[in-house]
Amino acid sequence: MNIEALREYCLAKPDSEETLPFGPDTLVFKINSKVFLLASLDAQPLQFNVKCDPDLAIELREEYPTAVLPGYHMNKKHWNTIIVDGTISNKQICRFIDDSYQLVSKGKKK
């Protein structure tokens, strides 16, 4: 997966929006004004943060120790940083995004 495919996948989610609140180097995708994914435009390989169930977050970090890390600049309990280096399949990456979107979209609408 590359940044263009990631962007298209996120924007295909119902009511998702793309913003740049932290400057031109970080894409932020939101649902109901709440962040579900942040992606660095500078990082090589591609990496992004997604929200995750705390118990699952730990399991994923153990399963993919070099590709799933505690969320960079985020709450380490609820967010993971995903390194797209070929370790994780695109299908699994999409599941991470779907889970994050679902967790965030369950919150109250603003």
PDB file of N, CA and C in Angstrom:
ATOM      1  N   MET A   1       0.854  -1.178   0.000  1.00  0.00           N
ATOM      2  CA  MET A   1       0.000   0.000   0.000  1.00  0.00           C
ATOM      3  C   MET A   1       0.893   1.232   0.000  1.00  0.00           C
ATOM      4  N   ASN A   2       0.501   2.226  -0.757  1.00  0.00           N
ATOM      5  CA  ASN A   2       1.215   3.498  -0.782  1.00  0.00           C
ATOM      6  C   ASN A   2       0.283   4.602  -0.269  1.00  0.00           C
ATOM      7  N   ILE A   3       0.780   5.814  -0.180  1.00  0.00           N
ATOM      8  CA  ILE A   3       0.007   6.914   0.402  1.00  0.00           C
ATOM      9  C   ILE A   3      -1.250   7.218  -0.421  1.00  0.00           C
ATOM     10  N   GLU A   4      -1.164   7.089  -1.746  1.00  0.00           N
ATOM     11  CA  GLU A   4      -2.335   7.358  -2.585  1.00  0.00           C
ATOM     12  C   GLU A   4      -3.439   6.340  -2.324  1.00  0.00           C
ATOM     13  N   ALA A   5      -3.069   5.061  -2.232  1.00  0.00           N
ATOM     14  CA  ALA A   5      -4.053   4.011  -1.960  1.00  0.00           C
ATOM     15  C   ALA A   5      -4.642   4.178  -0.554  1.00  0.00           C
ATOM     16  N   LEU A   6      -3.802   4.533   0.411  1.00  0.00           N
ATOM     17  CA  LEU A   6      -4.267   4.770   1.774  1.00  0.00           C
ATOM     18  C   LEU A   6      -5.282   5.902   1.789  1.00  0.00           C
ATOM     19  N   ARG A   7      -4.960   6.974   1.114  1.00  0.00           N
ATOM     20  CA  ARG A   7      -5.841   8.146   1.050  1.00  0.00           C
ATOM     21  C   ARG A   7      -7.169   7.785   0.409  1.00  0.00           C
ATOM     22  N   GLU A   8      -7.146   7.091  -0.715  1.00  0.00           N
ATOM     23  CA  GLU A   8      -8.377   6.682  -1.390  1.00  0.00           C
ATOM     24  C   GLU A   8      -9.227   5.784  -0.497  1.00  0.00           C
ATOM     25  N   TYR A   9      -8.581   4.855   0.195  1.00  0.00           N
ATOM     26  CA  TYR A   9      -9.310   3.933   1.067  1.00  0.00           C
ATOM     27  C   TYR A   9      -9.996   4.693   2.202  1.00  0.00           C
ATOM     28  N   CYS A  10      -9.285   5.628   2.812  1.00  0.00           N
ATOM     29  CA  CYS A  10      -9.856   6.411   3.910  1.00  0.00           C
ATOM     30  C   CYS A  10     -10.999   7.298   3.441  1.00  0.00           C
ATOM     31  N   LEU A  11     -10.822   7.936   2.304  1.00  0.00           N
ATOM     32  CA  LEU A  11     -11.860   8.841   1.799  1.00  0.00           C
ATOM     33  C   LEU A  11     -13.091   8.104   1.291  1.00  0.00           C
ATOM     34  N   ALA A  12     -12.965   6.814   1.015  1.00  0.00           N
ATOM     35  CA  ALA A  12     -14.117   6.017   0.581  1.00  0.00           C
ATOM     36  C   ALA A  12     -15.046   5.677   1.755  1.00  0.00           C
ATOM     37  N   LYS A  13     -14.575   5.867   2.970  1.00  0.00           N
ATOM     38  CA  LYS A  13     -15.397   5.605   4.143  1.00  0.00           C
ATOM     39  C   LYS A  13     -16.508   6.660   4.229  1.00  0.00           C
ATOM     40  N   PRO A  14     -17.734   6.238   4.568  1.00  0.00           N
ATOM     41  CA  PRO A  14     -18.835   7.205   4.661  1.00  0.00           C
ATOM     42  C   PRO A  14     -18.521   8.352   5.619  1.00  0.00           C
ATOM     43  N   ASP A  15     -18.780   9.554   5.160  1.00  0.00           N
ATOM     44  CA  ASP A  15     -18.634  10.781   5.953  1.00  0.00           C
ATOM     45  C   ASP A  15     -17.207  11.075   6.413  1.00  0.00           C
ATOM     46  N   SER A  16     -16.214  10.430   5.814  1.00  0.00           N
ATOM     47  CA  SER A  16     -14.836  10.734   6.201  1.00  0.00           C
ATOM     48  C   SER A  16     -14.398  12.039   5.561  1.00  0.00           C
ATOM     49  N   GLU A  17     -13.466  12.691   6.199  1.00  0.00           N
ATOM     50  CA  GLU A  17     -12.909  13.931   5.664  1.00  0.00           C
ATOM     51  C   GLU A  17     -11.405  13.940   5.860  1.00  0.00           C
ATOM     52  N   GLU A  18     -10.726  14.606   4.957  1.00  0.00           N
ATOM     53  CA  GLU A  18      -9.271  14.731   4.996  1.00  0.00           C
ATOM     54  C   GLU A  18      -8.931  16.146   5.418  1.00  0.00           C
ATOM     55  N   THR A  19      -7.999  16.265   6.365  1.00  0.00           N
ATOM     56  CA  THR A  19      -7.580  17.583   6.832  1.00  0.00           C
ATOM     57  C   THR A  19      -6.058  17.608   6.976  1.00  0.00           C
ATOM     58  N   LEU A  20      -5.534  18.805   7.165  1.00  0.00           N
ATOM     59  CA  LEU A  20      -4.101  19.007   7.385  1.00  0.00           C
ATOM     60  C   LEU A  20      -3.890  19.948   8.582  1.00  0.00           C
ATOM     61  N   PRO A  21      -4.425  19.600   9.749  1.00  0.00           N
ATOM     62  CA  PRO A  21      -4.339  20.528  10.887  1.00  0.00           C
ATOM     63  C   PRO A  21      -2.937  20.695  11.466  1.00  0.00           C
ATOM     64  N   PHE A  22      -2.036  19.774  11.176  1.00  0.00           N
ATOM     65  CA  PHE A  22      -0.674  19.844  11.718  1.00  0.00           C
ATOM     66  C   PHE A  22       0.339  20.297  10.675  1.00  0.00           C
ATOM     67  N   GLY A  23      -0.146  20.856   9.573  1.00  0.00           N
ATOM     68  CA  GLY A  23       0.738  21.314   8.514  1.00  0.00           C
ATOM     69  C   GLY A  23       0.678  20.402   7.303  1.00  0.00           C
ATOM     70  N   PRO A  24       1.432  20.741   6.269  1.00  0.00           N
ATOM     71  CA  PRO A  24       1.328  20.038   4.988  1.00  0.00           C
ATOM     72  C   PRO A  24       1.952  18.645   4.947  1.00  0.00           C
ATOM     73  N   ASP A  25       2.581  18.214   6.023  1.00  0.00           N
ATOM     74  CA  ASP A  25       3.283  16.927   6.012  1.00  0.00           C
ATOM     75  C   ASP A  25       2.538  15.795   6.717  1.00  0.00           C
ATOM     76  N   THR A  26       1.359  16.088   7.271  1.00  0.00           N
ATOM     77  CA  THR A  26       0.602  15.063   7.993  1.00  0.00           C
ATOM     78  C   THR A  26      -0.855  15.087   7.563  1.00  0.00           C
ATOM     79  N   LEU A  27      -1.290  14.019   6.886  1.00  0.00           N
ATOM     80  CA  LEU A  27      -2.697  13.871   6.531  1.00  0.00           C
ATOM     81  C   LEU A  27      -3.458  13.348   7.737  1.00  0.00           C
ATOM     82  N   VAL A  28      -4.618  13.929   7.987  1.00  0.00           N
ATOM     83  CA  VAL A  28      -5.461  13.502   9.099  1.00  0.00           C
ATOM     84  C   VAL A  28      -6.843  13.198   8.538  1.00  0.00           C
ATOM     85  N   PHE A  29      -7.325  11.990   8.804  1.00  0.00           N
ATOM     86  CA  PHE A  29      -8.649  11.583   8.342  1.00  0.00           C
ATOM     87  C   PHE A  29      -9.564  11.505   9.547  1.00  0.00           C
ATOM     88  N   LYS A  30     -10.773  12.085   9.377  1.00  0.00           N
ATOM     89  CA  LYS A  30     -11.714  12.199  10.487  1.00  0.00           C
ATOM     90  C   LYS A  30     -13.093  11.674  10.089  1.00  0.00           C
ATOM     91  N   ILE A  31     -13.826  11.260  11.112  1.00  0.00           N
ATOM     92  CA  ILE A  31     -15.243  10.945  11.004  1.00  0.00           C
ATOM     93  C   ILE A  31     -15.917  11.663  12.176  1.00  0.00           C
ATOM     94  N   ASN A  32     -16.975  12.408  11.893  1.00  0.00           N
ATOM     95  CA  ASN A  32     -17.668  13.183  12.937  1.00  0.00           C
ATOM     96  C   ASN A  32     -16.700  14.101  13.683  1.00  0.00           C
ATOM     97  N   SER A  33     -15.768  14.694  12.951  1.00  0.00           N
ATOM     98  CA  SER A  33     -14.772  15.620  13.492  1.00  0.00           C
ATOM     99  C   SER A  33     -13.780  14.959  14.451  1.00  0.00           C
ATOM    100  N   LYS A  34     -13.732  13.626  14.467  1.00  0.00           N
ATOM    101  CA  LYS A  34     -12.796  12.896  15.330  1.00  0.00           C
ATOM    102  C   LYS A  34     -11.817  12.115  14.456  1.00  0.00           C
ATOM    103  N   VAL A  35     -10.557  12.134  14.840  1.00  0.00           N
ATOM    104  CA  VAL A  35      -9.485  11.506  14.066  1.00  0.00           C
ATOM    105  C   VAL A  35      -9.593   9.988  14.127  1.00  0.00           C
ATOM    106  N   PHE A  36      -9.490   9.337  12.930  1.00  0.00           N
ATOM    107  CA  PHE A  36      -9.376   7.883  12.910  1.00  0.00           C
ATOM    108  C   PHE A  36      -8.073   7.423  12.276  1.00  0.00           C
ATOM    109  N   LEU A  37      -7.339   8.313  11.587  1.00  0.00           N
ATOM    110  CA  LEU A  37      -6.041   7.947  11.012  1.00  0.00           C
ATOM    111  C   LEU A  37      -5.214   9.198  10.777  1.00  0.00           C
ATOM    112  N   LEU A  38      -3.936   9.113  11.105  1.00  0.00           N
ATOM    113  CA  LEU A  38      -2.960  10.163  10.796  1.00  0.00           C
ATOM    114  C   LEU A  38      -1.846   9.515   9.997  1.00  0.00           C
ATOM    115  N   ALA A  39      -1.434  10.156   8.915  1.00  0.00           N
ATOM    116  CA  ALA A  39      -0.378   9.593   8.067  1.00  0.00           C
ATOM    117  C   ALA A  39       0.676  10.654   7.773  1.00  0.00           C
ATOM    118  N   SER A  40       1.923  10.259   7.951  1.00  0.00           N
ATOM    119  CA  SER A  40       3.035  11.141   7.629  1.00  0.00           C
ATOM    120  C   SER A  40       3.318  11.083   6.130  1.00  0.00           C
ATOM    121  N   LEU A  41       3.459  12.238   5.508  1.00  0.00           N
ATOM    122  CA  LEU A  41       3.802  12.289   4.087  1.00  0.00           C
ATOM    123  C   LEU A  41       5.310  12.218   3.878  1.00  0.00           C
ATOM    124  N   ASP A  42       6.074  12.379   4.949  1.00  0.00           N
ATOM    125  CA  ASP A  42       7.533  12.376   4.850  1.00  0.00           C
ATOM    126  C   ASP A  42       8.172  11.020   5.121  1.00  0.00           C
ATOM    127  N   ALA A  43       7.483  10.168   5.856  1.00  0.00           N
ATOM    128  CA  ALA A  43       8.085   8.909   6.309  1.00  0.00           C
ATOM    129  C   ALA A  43       8.297   7.925   5.160  1.00  0.00           C
ATOM    130  N   GLN A  44       9.462   7.292   5.173  1.00  0.00           N
ATOM    131  CA  GLN A  44       9.774   6.202   4.246  1.00  0.00           C
ATOM    132  C   GLN A  44      10.306   5.044   5.059  1.00  0.00           C
ATOM    133  N   PRO A  45       9.668   3.908   5.079  1.00  0.00           N
ATOM    134  CA  PRO A  45       8.437   3.591   4.370  1.00  0.00           C
ATOM    135  C   PRO A  45       7.234   4.300   4.996  1.00  0.00           C
ATOM    136  N   LEU A  46       6.111   4.211   4.299  1.00  0.00           N
ATOM    137  CA  LEU A  46       4.861   4.802   4.774  1.00  0.00           C
ATOM    138  C   LEU A  46       4.562   4.317   6.187  1.00  0.00           C
ATOM    139  N   GLN A  47       4.099   5.238   7.024  1.00  0.00           N
ATOM    140  CA  GLN A  47       3.613   4.858   8.345  1.00  0.00           C
ATOM    141  C   GLN A  47       2.442   5.743   8.720  1.00  0.00           C
ATOM    142  N   PHE A  48       1.547   5.167   9.507  1.00  0.00           N
ATOM    143  CA  PHE A  48       0.369   5.907   9.925  1.00  0.00           C
ATOM    144  C   PHE A  48      -0.096   5.412  11.290  1.00  0.00           C
ATOM    145  N   ASN A  49      -0.889   6.242  11.971  1.00  0.00           N
ATOM    146  CA  ASN A  49      -1.452   5.907  13.274  1.00  0.00           C
ATOM    147  C   ASN A  49      -2.931   5.596  13.122  1.00  0.00           C
ATOM    148  N   VAL A  50      -3.373   4.537  13.809  1.00  0.00           N
ATOM    149  CA  VAL A  50      -4.787   4.178  13.851  1.00  0.00           C
ATOM    150  C   VAL A  50      -5.194   3.871  15.284  1.00  0.00           C
ATOM    151  N   LYS A  51      -6.451   4.132  15.572  1.00  0.00           N
ATOM    152  CA  LYS A  51      -6.987   3.797  16.885  1.00  0.00           C
ATOM    153  C   LYS A  51      -7.219   2.292  16.940  1.00  0.00           C
ATOM    154  N   CYS A  52      -7.103   1.720  18.148  1.00  0.00           N
ATOM    155  CA  CYS A  52      -7.215   0.272  18.290  1.00  0.00           C
ATOM    156  C   CYS A  52      -7.728  -0.062  19.688  1.00  0.00           C
ATOM    157  N   ASP A  53      -8.499  -1.126  19.783  1.00  0.00           N
ATOM    158  CA  ASP A  53      -8.894  -1.646  21.085  1.00  0.00           C
ATOM    159  C   ASP A  53      -7.621  -1.922  21.886  1.00  0.00           C
ATOM    160  N   PRO A  54      -7.546  -1.494  23.147  1.00  0.00           N
ATOM    161  CA  PRO A  54      -6.310  -1.643  23.917  1.00  0.00           C
ATOM    162  C   PRO A  54      -5.767  -3.069  24.004  1.00  0.00           C
ATOM    163  N   ASP A  55      -6.639  -4.049  24.201  1.00  0.00           N
ATOM    164  CA  ASP A  55      -6.165  -5.437  24.281  1.00  0.00           C
ATOM    165  C   ASP A  55      -5.646  -5.924  22.938  1.00  0.00           C
ATOM    166  N   LEU A  56      -6.360  -5.588  21.879  1.00  0.00           N
ATOM    167  CA  LEU A  56      -5.919  -5.976  20.538  1.00  0.00           C
ATOM    168  C   LEU A  56      -4.622  -5.269  20.173  1.00  0.00           C
ATOM    169  N   ALA A  57      -4.473  -4.020  20.598  1.00  0.00           N
ATOM    170  CA  ALA A  57      -3.252  -3.266  20.297  1.00  0.00           C
ATOM    171  C   ALA A  57      -2.019  -4.007  20.798  1.00  0.00           C
ATOM    172  N   ILE A  58      -2.101  -4.536  22.002  1.00  0.00           N
ATOM    173  CA  ILE A  58      -0.972  -5.277  22.571  1.00  0.00           C
ATOM    174  C   ILE A  58      -0.709  -6.549  21.771  1.00  0.00           C
ATOM    175  N   GLU A  59      -1.771  -7.273  21.436  1.00  0.00           N
ATOM    176  CA  GLU A  59      -1.623  -8.505  20.648  1.00  0.00           C
ATOM    177  C   GLU A  59      -0.948  -8.227  19.300  1.00  0.00           C
ATOM    178  N   LEU A  60      -1.373  -7.160  18.637  1.00  0.00           N
ATOM    179  CA  LEU A  60      -0.813  -6.829  17.329  1.00  0.00           C
ATOM    180  C   LEU A  60       0.656  -6.440  17.430  1.00  0.00           C
ATOM    181  N   ARG A  61       1.009  -5.735  18.483  1.00  0.00           N
ATOM    182  CA  ARG A  61       2.418  -5.358  18.683  1.00  0.00           C
ATOM    183  C   ARG A  61       3.285  -6.588  18.907  1.00  0.00           C
ATOM    184  N   GLU A  62       2.718  -7.595  19.578  1.00  0.00           N
ATOM    185  CA  GLU A  62       3.460  -8.838  19.791  1.00  0.00           C
ATOM    186  C   GLU A  62       3.551  -9.652  18.499  1.00  0.00           C
ATOM    187  N   GLU A  63       2.474  -9.658  17.709  1.00  0.00           N
ATOM    188  CA  GLU A  63       2.456 -10.424  16.462  1.00  0.00           C
ATOM    189  C   GLU A  63       3.349  -9.814  15.388  1.00  0.00           C
ATOM    190  N   TYR A  64       3.391  -8.479  15.330  1.00  0.00           N
ATOM    191  CA  TYR A  64       4.176  -7.752  14.323  1.00  0.00           C
ATOM    192  C   TYR A  64       5.122  -6.773  15.031  1.00  0.00           C
ATOM    193  N   PRO A  65       6.150  -7.268  15.707  1.00  0.00           N
ATOM    194  CA  PRO A  65       6.978  -6.386  16.548  1.00  0.00           C
ATOM    195  C   PRO A  65       7.741  -5.285  15.809  1.00  0.00           C
ATOM    196  N   THR A  66       7.992  -5.449  14.524  1.00  0.00           N
ATOM    197  CA  THR A  66       8.714  -4.400  13.791  1.00  0.00           C
ATOM    198  C   THR A  66       7.787  -3.509  12.965  1.00  0.00           C
ATOM    199  N   ALA A  67       6.512  -3.912  12.828  1.00  0.00           N
ATOM    200  CA  ALA A  67       5.601  -3.168  11.961  1.00  0.00           C
ATOM    201  C   ALA A  67       4.413  -2.543  12.691  1.00  0.00           C
ATOM    202  N   VAL A  68       4.154  -2.956  13.910  1.00  0.00           N
ATOM    203  CA  VAL A  68       3.085  -2.357  14.720  1.00  0.00           C
ATOM    204  C   VAL A  68       3.714  -1.914  16.035  1.00  0.00           C
ATOM    205  N   LEU A  69       3.721  -0.601  16.236  1.00  0.00           N
ATOM    206  CA  LEU A  69       4.374   0.008  17.398  1.00  0.00           C
ATOM    207  C   LEU A  69       3.361   0.836  18.176  1.00  0.00           C
ATOM    208  N   PRO A  70       3.639   1.144  19.440  1.00  0.00           N
ATOM    209  CA  PRO A  70       2.757   2.068  20.165  1.00  0.00           C
ATOM    210  C   PRO A  70       2.643   3.386  19.392  1.00  0.00           C
ATOM    211  N   GLY A  71       1.470   3.966  19.392  1.00  0.00           N
ATOM    212  CA  GLY A  71       1.198   5.165  18.596  1.00  0.00           C
ATOM    213  C   GLY A  71       2.168   6.304  18.839  1.00  0.00           C
ATOM    214  N   TYR A  72       2.855   6.708  17.796  1.00  0.00           N
ATOM    215  CA  TYR A  72       3.821   7.804  17.854  1.00  0.00           C
ATOM    216  C   TYR A  72       3.080   9.112  18.130  1.00  0.00           C
ATOM    217  N   HIS A  73       3.450   9.806  19.192  1.00  0.00           N
ATOM    218  CA  HIS A  73       2.830  11.059  19.628  1.00  0.00           C
ATOM    219  C   HIS A  73       1.348  10.903  19.947  1.00  0.00           C
ATOM    220  N   MET A  74       0.921   9.680  20.302  1.00  0.00           N
ATOM    221  CA  MET A  74      -0.486   9.424  20.594  1.00  0.00           C
ATOM    222  C   MET A  74      -0.577   8.688  21.935  1.00  0.00           C
ATOM    223  N   ASN A  75      -1.788   8.488  22.408  1.00  0.00           N
ATOM    224  CA  ASN A  75      -2.020   7.672  23.591  1.00  0.00           C
ATOM    225  C   ASN A  75      -1.612   6.246  23.256  1.00  0.00           C
ATOM    226  N   LYS A  76      -0.574   5.751  23.904  1.00  0.00           N
ATOM    227  CA  LYS A  76       0.011   4.444  23.572  1.00  0.00           C
ATOM    228  C   LYS A  76      -0.945   3.285  23.853  1.00  0.00           C
ATOM    229  N   LYS A  77      -1.922   3.492  24.712  1.00  0.00           N
ATOM    230  CA  LYS A  77      -2.875   2.439  25.030  1.00  0.00           C
ATOM    231  C   LYS A  77      -3.894   2.252  23.906  1.00  0.00           C
ATOM    232  N   HIS A  78      -4.288   3.327  23.246  1.00  0.00           N
ATOM    233  CA  HIS A  78      -5.383   3.291  22.277  1.00  0.00           C
ATOM    234  C   HIS A  78      -4.961   3.458  20.821  1.00  0.00           C
ATOM    235  N   TRP A  79      -3.706   3.747  20.563  1.00  0.00           N
ATOM    236  CA  TRP A  79      -3.260   4.009  19.194  1.00  0.00           C
ATOM    237  C   TRP A  79      -2.026   3.184  18.852  1.00  0.00           C
ATOM    238  N   ASN A  80      -1.989   2.703  17.611  1.00  0.00           N
ATOM    239  CA  ASN A  80      -0.824   2.006  17.081  1.00  0.00           C
ATOM    240  C   ASN A  80      -0.270   2.761  15.886  1.00  0.00           C
ATOM    241  N   THR A  81       1.036   2.714  15.727  1.00  0.00           N
ATOM    242  CA  THR A  81       1.683   3.178  14.505  1.00  0.00           C
ATOM    243  C   THR A  81       1.945   1.938  13.655  1.00  0.00           C
ATOM    244  N   ILE A  82       1.504   2.003  12.402  1.00  0.00           N
ATOM    245  CA  ILE A  82       1.677   0.910  11.457  1.00  0.00           C
ATOM    246  C   ILE A  82       2.769   1.301  10.470  1.00  0.00           C
ATOM    247  N   ILE A  83       3.791   0.469  10.361  1.00  0.00           N
ATOM    248  CA  ILE A  83       4.877   0.688   9.406  1.00  0.00           C
ATOM    249  C   ILE A  83       4.581  -0.199   8.188  1.00  0.00           C
ATOM    250  N   VAL A  84       4.410   0.424   7.041  1.00  0.00           N
ATOM    251  CA  VAL A  84       4.073  -0.312   5.816  1.00  0.00           C
ATOM    252  C   VAL A  84       5.380  -0.675   5.102  1.00  0.00           C
ATOM    253  N   ASP A  85       5.936  -1.825   5.511  1.00  0.00           N
ATOM    254  CA  ASP A  85       7.225  -2.261   4.965  1.00  0.00           C
ATOM    255  C   ASP A  85       7.142  -3.633   4.306  1.00  0.00           C
ATOM    256  N   GLY A  86       5.913  -4.121   4.075  1.00  0.00           N
ATOM    257  CA  GLY A  86       5.725  -5.427   3.463  1.00  0.00           C
ATOM    258  C   GLY A  86       5.500  -6.542   4.473  1.00  0.00           C
ATOM    259  N   THR A  87       5.696  -6.264   5.749  1.00  0.00           N
ATOM    260  CA  THR A  87       5.491  -7.265   6.792  1.00  0.00           C
ATOM    261  C   THR A  87       4.009  -7.629   6.924  1.00  0.00           C
ATOM    262  N   ILE A  88       3.150  -6.634   6.775  1.00  0.00           N
ATOM    263  CA  ILE A  88       1.709  -6.801   6.951  1.00  0.00           C
ATOM    264  C   ILE A  88       1.034  -6.704   5.581  1.00  0.00           C
ATOM    265  N   SER A  89       0.106  -7.605   5.314  1.00  0.00           N
ATOM    266  CA  SER A  89      -0.604  -7.601   4.026  1.00  0.00           C
ATOM    267  C   SER A  89      -1.509  -6.374   3.906  1.00  0.00           C
ATOM    268  N   ASN A  90      -1.801  -5.990   2.670  1.00  0.00           N
ATOM    269  CA  ASN A  90      -2.720  -4.879   2.439  1.00  0.00           C
ATOM    270  C   ASN A  90      -4.094  -5.173   3.028  1.00  0.00           C
ATOM    271  N   LYS A  91      -4.510  -6.425   2.957  1.00  0.00           N
ATOM    272  CA  LYS A  91      -5.802  -6.817   3.523  1.00  0.00           C
ATOM    273  C   LYS A  91      -5.826  -6.537   5.025  1.00  0.00           C
ATOM    274  N   GLN A  92      -4.758  -6.897   5.731  1.00  0.00           N
ATOM    275  CA  GLN A  92      -4.679  -6.649   7.176  1.00  0.00           C
ATOM    276  C   GLN A  92      -4.591  -5.149   7.459  1.00  0.00           C
ATOM    277  N   ILE A  93      -3.861  -4.425   6.645  1.00  0.00           N
ATOM    278  CA  ILE A  93      -3.776  -2.972   6.815  1.00  0.00           C
ATOM    279  C   ILE A  93      -5.163  -2.355   6.700  1.00  0.00           C
ATOM    280  N   CYS A  94      -5.936  -2.815   5.736  1.00  0.00           N
ATOM    281  CA  CYS A  94      -7.304  -2.311   5.576  1.00  0.00           C
ATOM    282  C   CYS A  94      -8.156  -2.641   6.810  1.00  0.00           C
ATOM    283  N   ARG A  95      -7.938  -3.806   7.407  1.00  0.00           N
ATOM    284  CA  ARG A  95      -8.661  -4.159   8.640  1.00  0.00           C
ATOM    285  C   ARG A  95      -8.316  -3.192   9.770  1.00  0.00           C
ATOM    286  N   PHE A  96      -7.028  -2.833   9.875  1.00  0.00           N
ATOM    287  CA  PHE A  96      -6.625  -1.869  10.906  1.00  0.00           C
ATOM    288  C   PHE A  96      -7.374  -0.548  10.709  1.00  0.00           C
ATOM    289  N   ILE A  97      -7.452  -0.101   9.468  1.00  0.00           N
ATOM    290  CA  ILE A  97      -8.146   1.155   9.154  1.00  0.00           C
ATOM    291  C   ILE A  97      -9.632   1.026   9.459  1.00  0.00           C
ATOM    292  N   ASP A  98     -10.230  -0.087   9.033  1.00  0.00           N
ATOM    293  CA  ASP A  98     -11.659  -0.322   9.288  1.00  0.00           C
ATOM    294  C   ASP A  98     -11.959  -0.311  10.784  1.00  0.00           C
ATOM    295  N   ASP A  99     -11.125  -0.993  11.566  1.00  0.00           N
ATOM    296  CA  ASP A  99     -11.331  -1.041  13.016  1.00  0.00           C
ATOM    297  C   ASP A  99     -11.250   0.351  13.639  1.00  0.00           C
ATOM    298  N   SER A 100     -10.268   1.127  13.214  1.00  0.00           N
ATOM    299  CA  SER A 100     -10.104   2.474  13.736  1.00  0.00           C
ATOM    300  C   SER A 100     -11.326   3.330  13.393  1.00  0.00           C
ATOM    301  N   TYR A 101     -11.749   3.254  12.145  1.00  0.00           N
ATOM    302  CA  TYR A 101     -12.922   4.010  11.692  1.00  0.00           C
ATOM    303  C   TYR A 101     -14.149   3.628  12.529  1.00  0.00           C
ATOM    304  N   GLN A 102     -14.350   2.321  12.749  1.00  0.00           N
ATOM    305  CA  GLN A 102     -15.496   1.854  13.525  1.00  0.00           C
ATOM    306  C   GLN A 102     -15.430   2.345  14.972  1.00  0.00           C
ATOM    307  N   LEU A 103     -14.265   2.250  15.590  1.00  0.00           N
ATOM    308  CA  LEU A 103     -14.117   2.706  16.973  1.00  0.00           C
ATOM    309  C   LEU A 103     -14.438   4.192  17.110  1.00  0.00           C
ATOM    310  N   VAL A 104     -13.929   4.984  16.190  1.00  0.00           N
ATOM    311  CA  VAL A 104     -14.119   6.434  16.271  1.00  0.00           C
ATOM    312  C   VAL A 104     -15.541   6.826  15.881  1.00  0.00           C
ATOM    313  N   SER A 105     -16.127   6.160  14.907  1.00  0.00           N
ATOM    314  CA  SER A 105     -17.465   6.529  14.450  1.00  0.00           C
ATOM    315  C   SER A 105     -18.546   6.177  15.461  1.00  0.00           C
ATOM    316  N   LYS A 106     -18.232   5.320  16.435  1.00  0.00           N
ATOM    317  CA  LYS A 106     -19.194   4.978  17.489  1.00  0.00           C
ATOM    318  C   LYS A 106     -19.401   6.117  18.478  1.00  0.00           C
ATOM    319  N   GLY A 107     -18.464   7.059  18.487  1.00  0.00           N
ATOM    320  CA  GLY A 107     -18.562   8.204  19.425  1.00  0.00           C
ATOM    321  C   GLY A 107     -19.703   9.115  19.030  1.00  0.00           C
ATOM    322  N   LYS A 108     -19.996  10.076  19.889  1.00  0.00           N
ATOM    323  CA  LYS A 108     -21.074  11.040  19.643  1.00  0.00           C
ATOM    324  C   LYS A 108     -20.723  11.959  18.485  1.00  0.00           C
ATOM    325  N   LYS A 109     -21.739  12.303  17.692  1.00  0.00           N
ATOM    326  CA  LYS A 109     -21.539  13.266  16.610  1.00  0.00           C
ATOM    327  C   LYS A 109     -21.489  14.662  17.178  1.00  0.00           C
ATOM    328  N   LYS A 110     -20.609  15.465  16.591  1.00  0.00           N
ATOM    329  CA  LYS A 110     -20.516  16.868  17.021  1.00  0.00           C
ATOM    330  C   LYS A 110     -21.443  17.716  16.189  1.00  0.00           C
TER     331      LYS A 110
END
